[in-house]
C-alpha atoms as a PDB file:
ATOM      1  CA  MET A   1     105.766 143.022 135.593  1.00  0.00           C
ATOM      2  CA  THR A   2     105.474 139.244 135.492  1.00  0.00           C
ATOM      3  CA  TYR A   3     106.605 136.831 138.161  1.00  0.00           C
ATOM      4  CA  GLU A   4     107.448 133.170 138.102  1.00  0.00           C
ATOM      5  CA  HIS A   5     105.024 131.131 140.189  1.00  0.00           C
ATOM      6  CA  PRO A   6     106.766 130.013 143.415  1.00  0.00           C
ATOM      7  CA  ARG A   7     107.452 126.272 143.302  1.00  0.00           C
ATOM      8  CA  ALA A   8     109.502 123.459 144.808  1.00  0.00           C
ATOM      9  CA  SER A   9     109.793 119.706 144.410  1.00  0.00           C
ATOM     10  CA  VAL A  10     111.624 116.811 146.041  1.00  0.00           C
ATOM     11  CA  GLU A  11     111.927 113.018 145.800  1.00  0.00           C
ATOM     12  CA  ILE A  12     111.069 111.330 149.125  1.00  0.00           C
ATOM     13  CA  ASP A  13     112.127 107.792 150.008  1.00  0.00           C
ATOM     14  CA  ALA A  14     108.841 106.969 151.716  1.00  0.00           C
ATOM     15  CA  PRO A  15     105.479 105.501 150.673  1.00  0.00           C
ATOM     16  CA  ILE A  16     102.957 108.038 149.409  1.00  0.00           C
ATOM     17  CA  GLU A  17     100.652 107.223 152.359  1.00  0.00           C
ATOM     18  CA  VAL A  18     103.335 108.235 154.869  1.00  0.00           C
ATOM     19  CA  VAL A  19     104.066 111.515 153.072  1.00  0.00           C
ATOM     20  CA  TRP A  20     100.336 112.255 152.844  1.00  0.00           C
ATOM     21  CA  ARG A  21      99.858 111.607 156.564  1.00  0.00           C
ATOM     22  CA  VAL A  22     102.638 114.096 157.384  1.00  0.00           C
ATOM     23  CA  MET A  23     101.008 116.682 155.092  1.00  0.00           C
ATOM     24  CA  VAL A  24      97.504 116.403 156.559  1.00  0.00           C
ATOM     25  CA  GLU A  25      98.455 116.103 160.238  1.00  0.00           C
ATOM     26  CA  THR A  26      98.574 119.877 160.484  1.00  0.00           C
ATOM     27  CA  GLU A  27      98.642 119.851 164.292  1.00  0.00           C
ATOM     28  CA  SER A  28     102.187 118.372 164.053  1.00  0.00           C
ATOM     29  CA  TYR A  29     103.653 121.052 161.745  1.00  0.00           C
ATOM     30  CA  ALA A  30     105.536 122.778 164.568  1.00  0.00           C
ATOM     31  CA  ALA A  31     107.591 119.597 165.080  1.00  0.00           C
ATOM     32  CA  TRP A  32     109.049 119.541 161.569  1.00  0.00           C
ATOM     33  CA  ASN A  33     108.025 122.435 159.320  1.00  0.00           C
ATOM     34  CA  PRO A  34     110.352 125.479 159.282  1.00  0.00           C
ATOM     35  CA  PHE A  35     108.103 127.437 156.879  1.00  0.00           C
ATOM     36  CA  VAL A  36     104.512 126.743 157.971  1.00  0.00           C
ATOM     37  CA  VAL A  37     105.250 126.533 161.683  1.00  0.00           C
ATOM     38  CA  ARG A  38     101.580 126.269 162.627  1.00  0.00           C
ATOM     39  CA  ALA A  39      98.377 125.488 160.736  1.00  0.00           C
ATOM     40  CA  GLU A  40      95.027 126.082 162.418  1.00  0.00           C
ATOM     41  CA  THR A  41      92.113 124.099 161.017  1.00  0.00           C
ATOM     42  CA  ALA A  42      89.399 121.782 162.271  1.00  0.00           C
ATOM     43  CA  GLN A  43      90.542 118.161 162.599  1.00  0.00           C
ATOM     44  CA  PRO A  44      90.539 116.101 160.612  1.00  0.00           C
ATOM     45  CA  ALA A  45      91.354 118.520 157.799  1.00  0.00           C
ATOM     46  CA  ALA A  46      88.552 118.589 155.220  1.00  0.00           C
ATOM     47  CA  GLU A  47      87.769 120.251 151.916  1.00  0.00           C
ATOM     48  CA  GLY A  48      86.005 123.571 152.487  1.00  0.00           C
ATOM     49  CA  ASN A  49      87.557 124.133 155.929  1.00  0.00           C
ATOM     50  CA  PRO A  50      89.235 127.429 156.686  1.00  0.00           C
ATOM     51  CA  ILE A  51      92.923 127.051 157.535  1.00  0.00           C
ATOM     52  CA  VAL A  52      95.198 129.736 158.964  1.00  0.00           C
ATOM     53  CA  LEU A  53      98.864 129.261 158.110  1.00  0.00           C
ATOM     54  CA  HIS A  54     101.506 130.812 160.341  1.00  0.00           C
ATOM     55  CA  VAL A  55     104.658 131.155 158.250  1.00  0.00           C
ATOM     56  CA  THR A  56     108.207 132.065 159.168  1.00  0.00           C
ATOM     57  CA  TRP A  57     110.303 133.669 156.430  1.00  0.00           C
ATOM     58  CA  ALA A  58     114.025 132.927 156.047  1.00  0.00           C
ATOM     59  CA  ASN A  59     114.839 136.352 157.572  1.00  0.00           C
ATOM     60  CA  GLY A  60     112.876 135.452 160.733  1.00  0.00           C
ATOM     61  CA  GLY A  61     109.839 137.536 159.830  1.00  0.00           C
ATOM     62  CA  ARG A  62     106.429 136.021 160.427  1.00  0.00           C
ATOM     63  CA  ALA A  63     103.072 136.238 158.702  1.00  0.00           C
ATOM     64  CA  ARG A  64      99.579 134.861 159.169  1.00  0.00           C
ATOM     65  CA  SER A  65      97.797 133.683 156.014  1.00  0.00           C
ATOM     66  CA  PRO A  66      94.060 132.914 156.038  1.00  0.00           C
ATOM     67  CA  GLU A  67      93.235 130.235 153.469  1.00  0.00           C
ATOM     68  CA  ARG A  68      90.504 127.716 152.633  1.00  0.00           C
ATOM     69  CA  ILE A  69      91.157 124.068 151.782  1.00  0.00           C
ATOM     70  CA  SER A  70      89.888 123.704 148.213  1.00  0.00           C
ATOM     71  CA  ALA A  71      90.974 120.102 147.540  1.00  0.00           C
ATOM     72  CA  LEU A  72      91.964 117.181 149.756  1.00  0.00           C
ATOM     73  CA  ASP A  73      92.338 114.041 147.654  1.00  0.00           C
ATOM     74  CA  ALA A  74      93.942 111.184 149.609  1.00  0.00           C
ATOM     75  CA  PRO A  75      96.317 108.799 147.794  1.00  0.00           C
ATOM     76  CA  VAL A  76      94.808 106.476 145.201  1.00  0.00           C
ATOM     77  CA  VAL A  77      96.518 104.201 142.702  1.00  0.00           C
ATOM     78  CA  GLY A  78      95.389 104.710 139.124  1.00  0.00           C
ATOM     79  CA  GLU A  79      95.031 102.110 136.405  1.00  0.00           C
ATOM     80  CA  ASP A  80      98.582 103.006 135.321  1.00  0.00           C
ATOM     81  CA  GLY A  81      99.872 101.850 138.729  1.00  0.00           C
ATOM     82  CA  VAL A  82     100.881 105.362 139.778  1.00  0.00           C
ATOM     83  CA  GLY A  83      99.745 106.591 143.184  1.00  0.00           C
ATOM     84  CA  ALA A  84      98.583 110.199 143.363  1.00  0.00           C
ATOM     85  CA  ALA A  85      97.335 112.608 146.027  1.00  0.00           C
ATOM     86  CA  TYR A  86      96.469 116.305 145.935  1.00  0.00           C
ATOM     87  CA  LEU A  87      96.035 119.091 148.494  1.00  0.00           C
ATOM     88  CA  ALA A  88      95.179 122.686 147.610  1.00  0.00           C
ATOM     89  CA  TYR A  89      94.124 125.832 149.372  1.00  0.00           C
ATOM     90  CA  VAL A  90      93.039 129.292 148.300  1.00  0.00           C
ATOM     91  CA  TYR A  91      94.281 132.516 149.892  1.00  0.00           C
ATOM     92  CA  GLU A  92      91.439 134.482 151.557  1.00  0.00           C
ATOM     93  CA  GLY A  93      93.226 137.474 153.121  1.00  0.00           C
ATOM     94  CA  TRP A  94      92.073 141.053 152.630  1.00  0.00           C
ATOM     95  CA  PRO A  95      94.219 141.553 149.475  1.00  0.00           C
ATOM     96  CA  ALA A  96      92.333 138.629 147.891  1.00  0.00           C
ATOM     97  CA  ARG A  97      88.968 140.008 148.985  1.00  0.00           C
ATOM     98  CA  LEU A  98      89.913 143.311 147.306  1.00  0.00           C
ATOM     99  CA  GLY A  99      91.109 141.534 144.142  1.00  0.00           C
ATOM    100  CA  LEU A 100      94.700 142.744 144.614  1.00  0.00           C
ATOM    101  CA  VAL A 101      96.493 139.426 145.185  1.00  0.00           C
ATOM    102  CA  ARG A 102      94.987 136.026 144.592  1.00  0.00           C
ATOM    103  CA  GLY A 103      96.757 132.784 145.304  1.00  0.00           C
ATOM    104  CA  VAL A 104      96.098 129.062 145.012  1.00  0.00           C
ATOM    105  CA  ARG A 105      98.673 126.649 146.417  1.00  0.00           C
ATOM    106  CA  HIS A 106      98.781 123.208 144.834  1.00  0.00           C
ATOM    107  CA  GLN A 107     100.602 120.296 146.488  1.00  0.00           C
ATOM    108  CA  ARG A 108     100.828 117.043 144.533  1.00  0.00           C
ATOM    109  CA  LEU A 109     102.243 113.640 145.395  1.00  0.00           C
ATOM    110  CA  THR A 110     102.973 110.901 142.874  1.00  0.00           C
ATOM    111  CA  GLN A 111     104.608 107.511 143.331  1.00  0.00           C
ATOM    112  CA  ARG A 112     105.380 104.834 140.778  1.00  0.00           C
ATOM    113  CA  SER A 113     105.339 101.258 142.104  1.00  0.00           C
ATOM    114  CA  GLY A 114     108.494 100.668 144.148  1.00  0.00           C
ATOM    115  CA  GLY A 115     109.801 104.188 143.549  1.00  0.00           C
ATOM    116  CA  PRO A 116     110.148 107.279 145.692  1.00  0.00           C
ATOM    117  CA  THR A 117     107.263 109.662 146.285  1.00  0.00           C
ATOM    118  CA  ARG A 118     107.574 112.901 144.328  1.00  0.00           C
ATOM    119  CA  TYR A 119     106.296 116.021 146.092  1.00  0.00           C
ATOM    120  CA  GLU A 120     105.587 119.109 143.977  1.00  0.00           C
ATOM    121  CA  THR A 121     104.138 122.412 145.082  1.00  0.00           C
ATOM    122  CA  VAL A 122     103.340 125.621 143.221  1.00  0.00           C
ATOM    123  CA  GLU A 123     101.530 128.825 144.185  1.00  0.00           C
ATOM    124  CA  GLU A 124      99.565 130.367 141.332  1.00  0.00           C
ATOM    125  CA  PHE A 125      99.558 134.074 142.108  1.00  0.00           C
ATOM    126  CA  SER A 126      97.530 136.645 140.185  1.00  0.00           C
ATOM    127  CA  GLY A 127      96.407 140.230 140.661  1.00  0.00           C
ATOM    128  CA  PRO A 128      97.965 143.675 140.343  1.00  0.00           C
ATOM    129  CA  LEU A 129      99.948 143.536 143.618  1.00  0.00           C
ATOM    130  CA  VAL A 130     101.524 140.072 143.263  1.00  0.00           C
ATOM    131  CA  GLY A 131     104.973 141.612 143.803  1.00  0.00           C
ATOM    132  CA  LEU A 132     103.972 142.558 147.349  1.00  0.00           C
ATOM    133  CA  ALA A 133     103.231 138.889 148.074  1.00  0.00           C
ATOM    134  CA  GLY A 134     106.960 138.238 147.723  1.00  0.00           C
ATOM    135  CA  PRO A 135     107.130 135.408 145.181  1.00  0.00           C
ATOM    136  CA  GLY A 136     110.872 134.975 145.791  1.00  0.00           C
ATOM    137  CA  ARG A 137     110.516 134.565 149.529  1.00  0.00           C
ATOM    138  CA  VAL A 138     107.588 132.185 149.012  1.00  0.00           C
ATOM    139  CA  THR A 139     109.777 130.050 146.712  1.00  0.00           C
ATOM    140  CA  GLU A 140     112.464 129.946 149.397  1.00  0.00           C
ATOM    141  CA  GLY A 141     109.845 128.928 151.979  1.00  0.00           C
ATOM    142  CA  PHE A 142     108.512 126.200 149.703  1.00  0.00           C
ATOM    143  CA  ARG A 143     112.053 124.814 149.310  1.00  0.00           C
ATOM    144  CA  ARG A 144     112.507 124.679 153.099  1.00  0.00           C
ATOM    145  CA  HIS A 145     109.058 123.094 153.447  1.00  0.00           C
ATOM    146  CA  ALA A 146     109.827 120.418 150.817  1.00  0.00           C
ATOM    147  CA  ALA A 147     113.207 119.541 152.367  1.00  0.00           C
ATOM    148  CA  ALA A 148     111.640 119.260 155.829  1.00  0.00           C
ATOM    149  CA  LEU A 149     108.740 117.143 154.515  1.00  0.00           C
ATOM    150  CA  LYS A 150     111.302 114.775 152.991  1.00  0.00           C
ATOM    151  CA  ALA A 151     113.277 114.565 156.243  1.00  0.00           C
ATOM    152  CA  ARG A 152     110.143 114.011 158.361  1.00  0.00           C
ATOM    153  CA  ALA A 153     108.622 111.299 156.150  1.00  0.00           C
ATOM    154  CA  GLU A 154     111.936 109.459 155.711  1.00  0.00           C
ATOM    155  CA  THR A 155     112.558 109.573 159.480  1.00  0.00           C
ATOM    156  CA  LEU A 156     109.105 108.097 160.151  1.00  0.00           C
ATOM    157  CA  VAL A 157     109.770 105.295 157.664  1.00  0.00           C
ATOM    158  CA  ASN A 158     113.185 104.531 159.162  1.00  0.00           C
ATOM    159  CA  GLU A 159     111.813 104.551 162.727  1.00  0.00           C
ATOM    160  CA  SER A 160     108.925 102.254 161.823  1.00  0.00           C
ATOM    161  CA  GLY A 161     110.924  99.839 159.683  1.00  0.00           C
ATOM    162  CA  LEU A 162     108.483 100.270 156.764  1.00  0.00           C
ATOM    163  CA  ASP A 163     109.660  99.431 153.265  1.00  0.00           C
ATOM    164  CA  HIS A 164     110.266 102.498 151.159  1.00  0.00           C
END
């Protein structure tokens, strides 16, 4: 059986630097994130650090997901004038250690000059027990996460009076 990789995206009326700050200030997740309600990692977050995600599913169920930050690329503006940032982590739970379910979550930000910041996330699942990882419920969680990230970043911009 094949599954679609869980994904979500949203346009955010905030500078890429503001959205990035919200993403990497993991100690503040409880204040805004309905999906990843807590993220335990050394501060500041750094590539190679373990990170434990505490997620809440739409049905109220909870799970703890041990991961490792595999990429943490702060916003930079390329020669094309487009800002980009990238955060990724790799699932390290016992199903991954046994080769049953592997997962890599990618989170990308892009912003054209003067435009909104685009947030995109996808989880690349593989392994024989991917169905047990619940790709559908992960997609739903990613959608809640993306909507809350948008609301949080836009609120910060509006409160600070920054240009979007």
